[in-house]
Amino acid sequence: MGSVIATQIERRNALEIQDRTLSDLKLSGQDFPGSRYHPLDRKNWMSILNPQNLRIHKIVWPGTHDSATDKIGIPFISRPFAQCQTLSVYHQLAMGTRVLDIRVDENGNACHGILITYGIHVVMDDVKKFLSETESEIIILEIRTEIGHRDPPGFDVYLVDQLGELLIHQHDNVFKKTIAEVLPGRILCVWRPRKFSQPEAGGALWSAGYLRDDWINTDLPSTKFESNMKHLREQPPLASRNYFYRVENTVTPVPDNPILHVKPVTERIRGYARLFIALCFSHGCADRLQIFSTDFIDEDFVDACVGLTHARIQGIA
């Protein structure tokens, strides 16, 4: 018992030090090219930035982590252990989210770990509703089989049947195209089965290698922040790579910590998204930032990503 208490005291001290580290960095400033930009209409921010000028590889895509968890589990009982978003997929998209991270089980239910939320048809309906209400917004829809589950049979066929002509087919030349050049395609769908074969080259779905990240499983904010920066610096610049790279501004509960609810843990880093972008410039890797994801997305997070995208179009970032 004494060793357990000592370990928790040590962890609490480490957390306090890391909190101070990020707080002190924040005092140095969070301005970056485009940091003061606010889109007049977040639901249509890609249209506002002009689809003829907006190239796919230059977009800073605001994304959500574990996107389909707004209704997961039992309220006040199991939900706090797995909920990473409070907004529906539709409302995330309407706020400006453009990258969705959806986990499924063998029955085609959206899930997070062992907890199930709604059927995947709810996600499909939300995506299609949003796209029917907009004209030039593009979505990266990542769907993966969750760890601990089997691949849902025939899911690739289901996705193609559901999304049809909305799909942007897999091809390296997409990255250098403008939004106007990929229309009427609206969805770049990455399908990540655990055991089944990956989507074939040139097909309607994209394989896992086109959406990469370096997941660091920690509840310590400065550790995650610094690791994110390290891995981002290791990526080639946007202009010379044919894949998307995601940085996740999240920390997650870990088993040896008594705080297992998602929200109080991830709040340790949520407020430092603008700081991360600002430091990308001072560390010389702003030209590598592409997908930036978070738990419990809000308007300010979207504005930061859209602002940097706007600056790139203007040639000042």
Protein backbone atom coordinates (compact mmCIF):
# COMPACT_ATOMS: atom_id res chain seq x y z
CA MET A 1 0.00 0.00 0.00
CA GLY A 2 2.83 2.38 0.87
CA SER A 3 4.45 1.91 -2.53
CA VAL A 4 1.15 2.59 -4.30
CA ILE A 5 0.68 5.84 -2.36
CA ALA A 6 4.27 6.85 -3.05
CA THR A 7 3.78 6.19 -6.77
CA GLN A 8 0.64 8.33 -6.87
CA ILE A 9 2.37 11.17 -5.02
CA GLU A 10 5.22 10.98 -7.51
CA ARG A 11 2.77 11.05 -10.42
CA ARG A 12 0.90 14.01 -8.96
CA ASN A 13 4.16 15.93 -8.55
CA ALA A 14 5.12 15.13 -12.15
CA LEU A 15 1.75 16.37 -13.35
CA GLU A 16 2.11 19.64 -11.44
CA ILE A 17 5.56 20.21 -12.96
CA GLN A 18 4.27 19.48 -16.46
CA ASP A 19 1.29 21.79 -15.99
CA ARG A 20 3.64 24.58 -14.97
CA THR A 21 5.90 23.88 -17.95
CA LEU A 22 3.08 24.38 -20.43
CA SER A 23 1.62 27.33 -18.53
CA ASP A 24 5.00 29.07 -18.59
CA LEU A 25 5.36 28.39 -22.32
CA LYS A 26 1.91 29.84 -22.91
CA LEU A 27 3.09 33.15 -21.43
CA SER A 28 5.59 33.45 -24.27
CA GLY A 29 2.68 33.96 -26.67
CA GLN A 30 0.33 32.02 -28.92
CA ASP A 31 0.33 34.19 -32.04
CA PHE A 32 1.07 32.64 -35.40
CA PRO A 33 0.24 33.61 -39.00
CA GLY A 34 -3.56 33.53 -39.22
CA SER A 35 -4.09 33.26 -35.46
CA ARG A 36 -6.50 36.21 -35.43
CA TYR A 37 -8.61 34.93 -38.32
CA HIS A 38 -12.17 33.80 -37.56
CA PRO A 39 -14.33 32.31 -40.32
CA LEU A 40 -17.69 34.01 -40.73
CA ASP A 41 -19.36 30.63 -41.26
CA ARG A 42 -17.61 27.60 -39.78
CA LYS A 43 -20.06 25.24 -41.47
CA ASN A 44 -18.80 26.44 -44.88
CA TRP A 45 -15.25 27.52 -44.11
CA MET A 46 -13.71 25.68 -47.06
CA SER A 47 -16.12 27.40 -49.43
CA ILE A 48 -15.24 30.78 -47.91
CA LEU A 49 -11.53 30.13 -48.49
CA ASN A 50 -12.26 29.50 -52.19
CA PRO A 51 -12.22 25.90 -53.50
CA GLN A 52 -10.32 27.01 -56.64
CA ASN A 53 -7.33 28.12 -54.56
CA LEU A 54 -7.40 25.68 -51.65
CA ARG A 55 -5.08 22.73 -52.27
CA ILE A 56 -5.66 19.53 -50.30
CA HIS A 57 -2.12 19.31 -48.94
CA LYS A 58 -2.16 22.91 -47.65
CA ILE A 59 -5.26 22.51 -45.49
CA VAL A 60 -4.88 22.31 -41.71
CA TRP A 61 -7.69 19.85 -41.04
CA PRO A 62 -9.43 20.20 -37.64
CA GLY A 63 -10.28 16.70 -36.43
CA THR A 64 -11.95 14.93 -33.55
CA HIS A 65 -10.57 11.99 -31.60
CA ASP A 66 -13.08 9.15 -31.02
CA SER A 67 -15.68 11.14 -32.91
CA ALA A 68 -18.72 8.90 -32.38
CA THR A 69 -18.78 8.82 -28.58
CA ASP A 70 -21.33 11.51 -27.75
CA LYS A 71 -23.94 8.91 -26.72
CA ILE A 72 -21.64 6.12 -25.58
CA GLY A 73 -22.31 3.97 -22.52
CA ILE A 74 -24.65 4.81 -19.67
CA PRO A 75 -24.90 8.49 -18.62
CA PHE A 76 -23.04 9.27 -15.36
CA ILE A 77 -21.99 5.61 -15.01
CA SER A 78 -19.88 4.26 -17.90
CA ARG A 79 -20.07 7.26 -20.25
CA PRO A 80 -17.41 9.40 -18.50
CA PHE A 81 -14.87 6.59 -19.01
CA ALA A 82 -15.21 6.62 -22.81
CA GLN A 83 -16.84 9.83 -24.00
CA CYS A 84 -14.44 12.02 -25.97
CA GLN A 85 -17.00 14.25 -27.72
CA THR A 86 -20.30 15.71 -26.51
CA LEU A 87 -21.49 16.81 -29.96
CA SER A 88 -23.02 14.51 -32.56
CA VAL A 89 -21.04 13.84 -35.73
CA TYR A 90 -23.34 16.22 -37.61
CA HIS A 91 -22.82 19.05 -35.12
CA GLN A 92 -19.06 18.48 -35.12
CA LEU A 93 -19.05 18.90 -38.89
CA ALA A 94 -21.30 21.97 -38.71
CA MET A 95 -18.85 23.52 -36.21
CA GLY A 96 -16.00 23.02 -38.68
CA THR A 97 -14.55 19.57 -37.98
CA ARG A 98 -13.29 17.96 -41.19
CA VAL A 99 -11.61 14.76 -39.96
CA LEU A 100 -13.63 12.06 -38.20
CA ASP A 101 -12.16 9.14 -36.23
CA ILE A 102 -14.78 6.37 -36.07
CA ARG A 103 -14.21 2.99 -34.36
CA VAL A 104 -16.46 0.00 -35.10
CA ASP A 105 -17.02 -3.48 -33.71
CA GLU A 106 -17.77 -6.73 -35.56
CA ASN A 107 -21.48 -5.85 -35.72
CA GLY A 108 -20.96 -2.46 -37.30
CA ASN A 109 -21.63 -0.48 -34.14
CA ALA A 110 -19.61 2.62 -33.33
CA CYS A 111 -17.66 1.97 -30.14
CA HIS A 112 -14.75 2.93 -27.90
CA GLY A 113 -13.10 -0.09 -26.34
CA ILE A 114 -15.78 -2.43 -24.98
CA LEU A 115 -18.47 0.26 -24.83
CA ILE A 116 -20.92 0.58 -27.71
CA THR A 117 -22.71 3.72 -28.82
CA TYR A 118 -24.98 3.70 -31.91
CA GLY A 119 -24.96 1.83 -35.21
CA ILE A 120 -22.70 3.06 -37.97
CA HIS A 121 -25.79 4.09 -39.95
CA VAL A 122 -26.12 7.06 -37.55
CA VAL A 123 -22.68 8.28 -38.60
CA MET A 124 -23.52 7.77 -42.28
CA ASP A 125 -26.76 9.71 -41.92
CA ASP A 126 -25.02 12.59 -40.12
CA VAL A 127 -22.27 12.80 -42.75
CA LYS A 128 -24.71 12.74 -45.65
CA LYS A 129 -26.99 15.30 -44.00
CA PHE A 130 -24.08 17.70 -43.56
CA LEU A 131 -22.87 17.25 -47.12
CA SER A 132 -26.38 17.78 -48.49
CA GLU A 133 -26.44 21.18 -46.76
CA THR A 134 -23.04 22.33 -48.08
CA GLU A 135 -21.43 22.53 -51.52
CA SER A 136 -17.64 22.46 -51.27
CA GLU A 137 -16.75 21.03 -47.84
CA ILE A 138 -14.47 17.97 -47.95
CA ILE A 139 -14.31 15.37 -45.16
CA ILE A 140 -11.65 12.83 -44.24
CA LEU A 141 -13.62 9.94 -42.78
CA GLU A 142 -11.42 7.38 -41.01
CA ILE A 143 -13.15 4.18 -39.94
CA ARG A 144 -11.22 1.47 -38.15
CA THR A 145 -11.98 -1.78 -36.38
CA GLU A 146 -11.52 -1.05 -32.69
CA ILE A 147 -8.84 -2.92 -30.74
CA GLY A 148 -10.29 -6.08 -29.19
CA HIS A 149 -12.95 -6.49 -31.89
CA ARG A 150 -13.18 -8.44 -35.13
CA ASP A 151 -13.58 -6.81 -38.52
CA PRO A 152 -17.25 -6.42 -39.53
CA PRO A 153 -17.85 -8.71 -42.56
CA GLY A 154 -18.36 -6.96 -45.89
CA PHE A 155 -17.81 -3.52 -44.37
CA ASP A 156 -15.84 -2.20 -47.34
CA VAL A 157 -18.78 -3.00 -49.62
CA TYR A 158 -21.15 -1.33 -47.15
CA LEU A 159 -19.09 1.88 -47.14
CA VAL A 160 -18.99 2.09 -50.93
CA ASP A 161 -22.73 1.38 -51.16
CA GLN A 162 -23.51 4.05 -48.56
CA LEU A 163 -21.22 6.80 -49.80
CA GLY A 164 -21.11 6.05 -53.53
CA GLU A 165 -20.43 9.08 -55.70
CA LEU A 166 -19.42 11.15 -52.66
CA LEU A 167 -16.16 9.20 -52.44
CA ILE A 168 -12.85 10.63 -53.63
CA HIS A 169 -10.92 7.64 -54.99
CA GLN A 170 -7.48 6.71 -53.70
CA HIS A 171 -4.69 8.28 -55.75
CA ASP A 172 -1.45 10.08 -54.91
CA ASN A 173 -2.28 12.98 -57.21
CA VAL A 174 -5.18 14.03 -54.95
CA PHE A 175 -2.82 15.74 -52.50
CA LYS A 176 -1.76 18.45 -54.95
CA LYS A 177 -5.27 19.07 -56.29
CA THR A 178 -7.54 21.89 -55.23
CA ILE A 179 -10.90 21.24 -53.65
CA ALA A 180 -12.55 22.39 -56.89
CA GLU A 181 -10.61 19.71 -58.78
CA VAL A 182 -11.84 16.82 -56.59
CA LEU A 183 -15.49 17.90 -56.60
CA PRO A 184 -18.13 16.45 -56.83
CA GLY A 185 -16.25 14.00 -54.59
CA ARG A 186 -16.68 15.04 -50.97
CA ILE A 187 -15.31 12.22 -48.79
CA LEU A 188 -11.85 10.76 -48.56
CA CYS A 189 -12.66 7.54 -46.67
CA VAL A 190 -9.83 5.63 -44.97
CA TRP A 191 -10.84 2.06 -44.02
CA ARG A 192 -8.59 0.31 -41.46
CA PRO A 193 -9.58 -3.31 -40.89
CA ARG A 194 -7.50 -5.24 -38.35
CA LYS A 195 -7.32 -8.57 -40.23
CA PHE A 196 -9.09 -8.15 -43.56
CA SER A 197 -7.22 -6.91 -46.64
CA GLN A 198 -6.50 -3.20 -47.00
CA PRO A 199 -8.32 -1.27 -49.76
CA GLU A 200 -6.70 -1.68 -53.17
CA ALA A 201 -4.80 1.07 -54.95
CA GLY A 202 -7.04 3.20 -57.12
CA GLY A 203 -10.21 2.06 -55.39
CA ALA A 204 -12.98 4.05 -53.77
CA LEU A 205 -11.52 3.63 -50.26
CA TRP A 206 -8.09 4.64 -48.96
CA SER A 207 -5.69 2.30 -47.16
CA ALA A 208 -4.20 2.90 -43.70
CA GLY A 209 -0.83 4.13 -45.00
CA TYR A 210 -2.44 7.31 -46.26
CA LEU A 211 -3.34 8.50 -42.76
CA ARG A 212 -0.45 8.22 -40.30
CA ASP A 213 0.15 9.29 -36.73
CA ASP A 214 2.32 8.47 -33.74
CA TRP A 215 0.04 7.73 -30.82
CA ILE A 216 1.64 8.42 -27.44
CA ASN A 217 -0.42 6.83 -24.65
CA THR A 218 0.07 9.13 -21.67
CA ASP A 219 -1.92 11.29 -19.28
CA LEU A 220 0.97 13.75 -18.84
CA PRO A 221 0.39 16.89 -20.94
CA SER A 222 3.94 18.10 -21.43
CA THR A 223 5.11 14.58 -22.33
CA LYS A 224 2.44 14.38 -25.04
CA PHE A 225 3.06 17.93 -26.22
CA GLU A 226 6.82 17.40 -26.60
CA SER A 227 6.37 13.97 -28.22
CA ASN A 228 3.90 15.42 -30.72
CA MET A 229 6.45 18.08 -31.64
CA LYS A 230 9.26 15.55 -31.96
CA HIS A 231 7.30 13.26 -34.28
CA LEU A 232 6.02 16.18 -36.36
CA ARG A 233 9.58 17.43 -36.93
CA GLU A 234 10.46 13.98 -38.28
CA GLN A 235 7.87 14.23 -41.07
CA PRO A 236 8.76 15.55 -44.53
CA PRO A 237 7.22 18.89 -45.54
CA LEU A 238 3.66 18.85 -46.89
CA ALA A 239 4.72 19.57 -50.45
CA SER A 240 6.85 16.42 -50.65
CA ARG A 241 4.62 13.75 -49.06
CA ASN A 242 1.64 11.80 -50.35
CA TYR A 243 -0.05 10.93 -47.08
CA PHE A 244 -1.87 12.74 -44.30
CA TYR A 245 -0.18 13.07 -40.92
CA ARG A 246 -2.22 13.61 -37.75
CA VAL A 247 -1.19 15.25 -34.49
CA GLU A 248 -3.60 14.61 -31.61
CA ASN A 249 -3.81 17.30 -28.96
CA THR A 250 -5.08 14.79 -26.40
CA VAL A 251 -3.99 12.96 -23.30
CA THR A 252 -5.84 9.90 -22.05
CA PRO A 253 -6.39 8.12 -18.74
CA VAL A 254 -3.90 5.37 -17.93
CA PRO A 255 -4.59 2.31 -15.75
CA ASP A 256 -2.26 3.20 -12.86
CA ASN A 257 -3.88 6.61 -12.35
CA PRO A 258 -6.96 6.90 -10.09
CA ILE A 259 -8.50 9.49 -12.46
CA LEU A 260 -10.04 7.43 -15.24
CA HIS A 261 -12.68 9.83 -16.57
CA VAL A 262 -11.68 11.23 -19.95
CA LYS A 263 -12.69 14.88 -19.60
CA PRO A 264 -10.68 15.93 -16.52
CA VAL A 265 -7.61 14.21 -17.95
CA THR A 266 -7.79 15.62 -21.46
CA GLU A 267 -8.47 19.11 -20.09
CA ARG A 268 -4.80 19.13 -19.08
CA ILE A 269 -3.80 19.72 -22.71
CA ARG A 270 -6.87 21.06 -24.54
CA GLY A 271 -6.02 24.67 -23.85
CA TYR A 272 -2.60 24.46 -25.47
CA ALA A 273 -3.58 23.87 -29.11
CA ARG A 274 -2.75 27.42 -30.18
CA LEU A 275 0.54 27.23 -28.27
CA PHE A 276 1.43 24.07 -30.21
CA ILE A 277 0.81 25.79 -33.54
CA ALA A 278 2.84 28.83 -32.47
CA LEU A 279 5.75 26.61 -31.42
CA CYS A 280 5.60 24.77 -34.74
CA PHE A 281 6.78 28.05 -36.29
CA SER A 282 9.57 28.63 -33.80
CA HIS A 283 10.70 25.00 -34.18
CA GLY A 284 10.69 25.23 -37.98
CA CYS A 285 8.05 22.57 -38.62
CA ALA A 286 4.91 24.61 -39.35
CA ASP A 287 5.09 23.35 -42.95
CA ARG A 288 4.50 19.81 -41.63
CA LEU A 289 1.30 20.36 -39.63
CA GLN A 290 -1.71 18.95 -41.45
CA ILE A 291 -4.37 17.13 -39.39
CA PHE A 292 -4.79 18.46 -35.86
CA SER A 293 -7.26 16.56 -33.68
CA THR A 294 -8.70 16.98 -30.21
CA ASP A 295 -11.18 15.66 -27.68
CA PHE A 296 -14.29 17.80 -27.03
CA ILE A 297 -13.71 20.06 -30.02
CA ASP A 298 -14.75 23.70 -29.74
CA GLU A 299 -14.95 26.76 -31.98
CA ASP A 300 -11.57 28.14 -30.94
CA PHE A 301 -9.79 24.93 -31.96
CA VAL A 302 -11.48 25.07 -35.37
CA ASP A 303 -10.60 28.76 -35.77
CA ALA A 304 -6.92 28.08 -35.06
CA CYS A 305 -6.75 25.46 -37.82
CA VAL A 306 -8.76 27.49 -40.31
CA GLY A 307 -6.69 30.59 -39.52
CA LEU A 308 -3.44 28.82 -40.37
CA THR A 309 -5.02 27.43 -43.55
CA HIS A 310 -6.04 30.96 -44.53
CA ALA A 311 -2.48 32.18 -43.91
CA ARG A 312 -1.08 29.45 -46.16
CA ILE A 313 -3.41 30.47 -48.99
CA GLN A 314 -2.28 34.08 -48.56
CA GLY A 315 1.34 32.97 -48.73
CA ILE A 316 2.24 34.21 -45.24
CA ALA A 317 2.71 30.78 -43.60
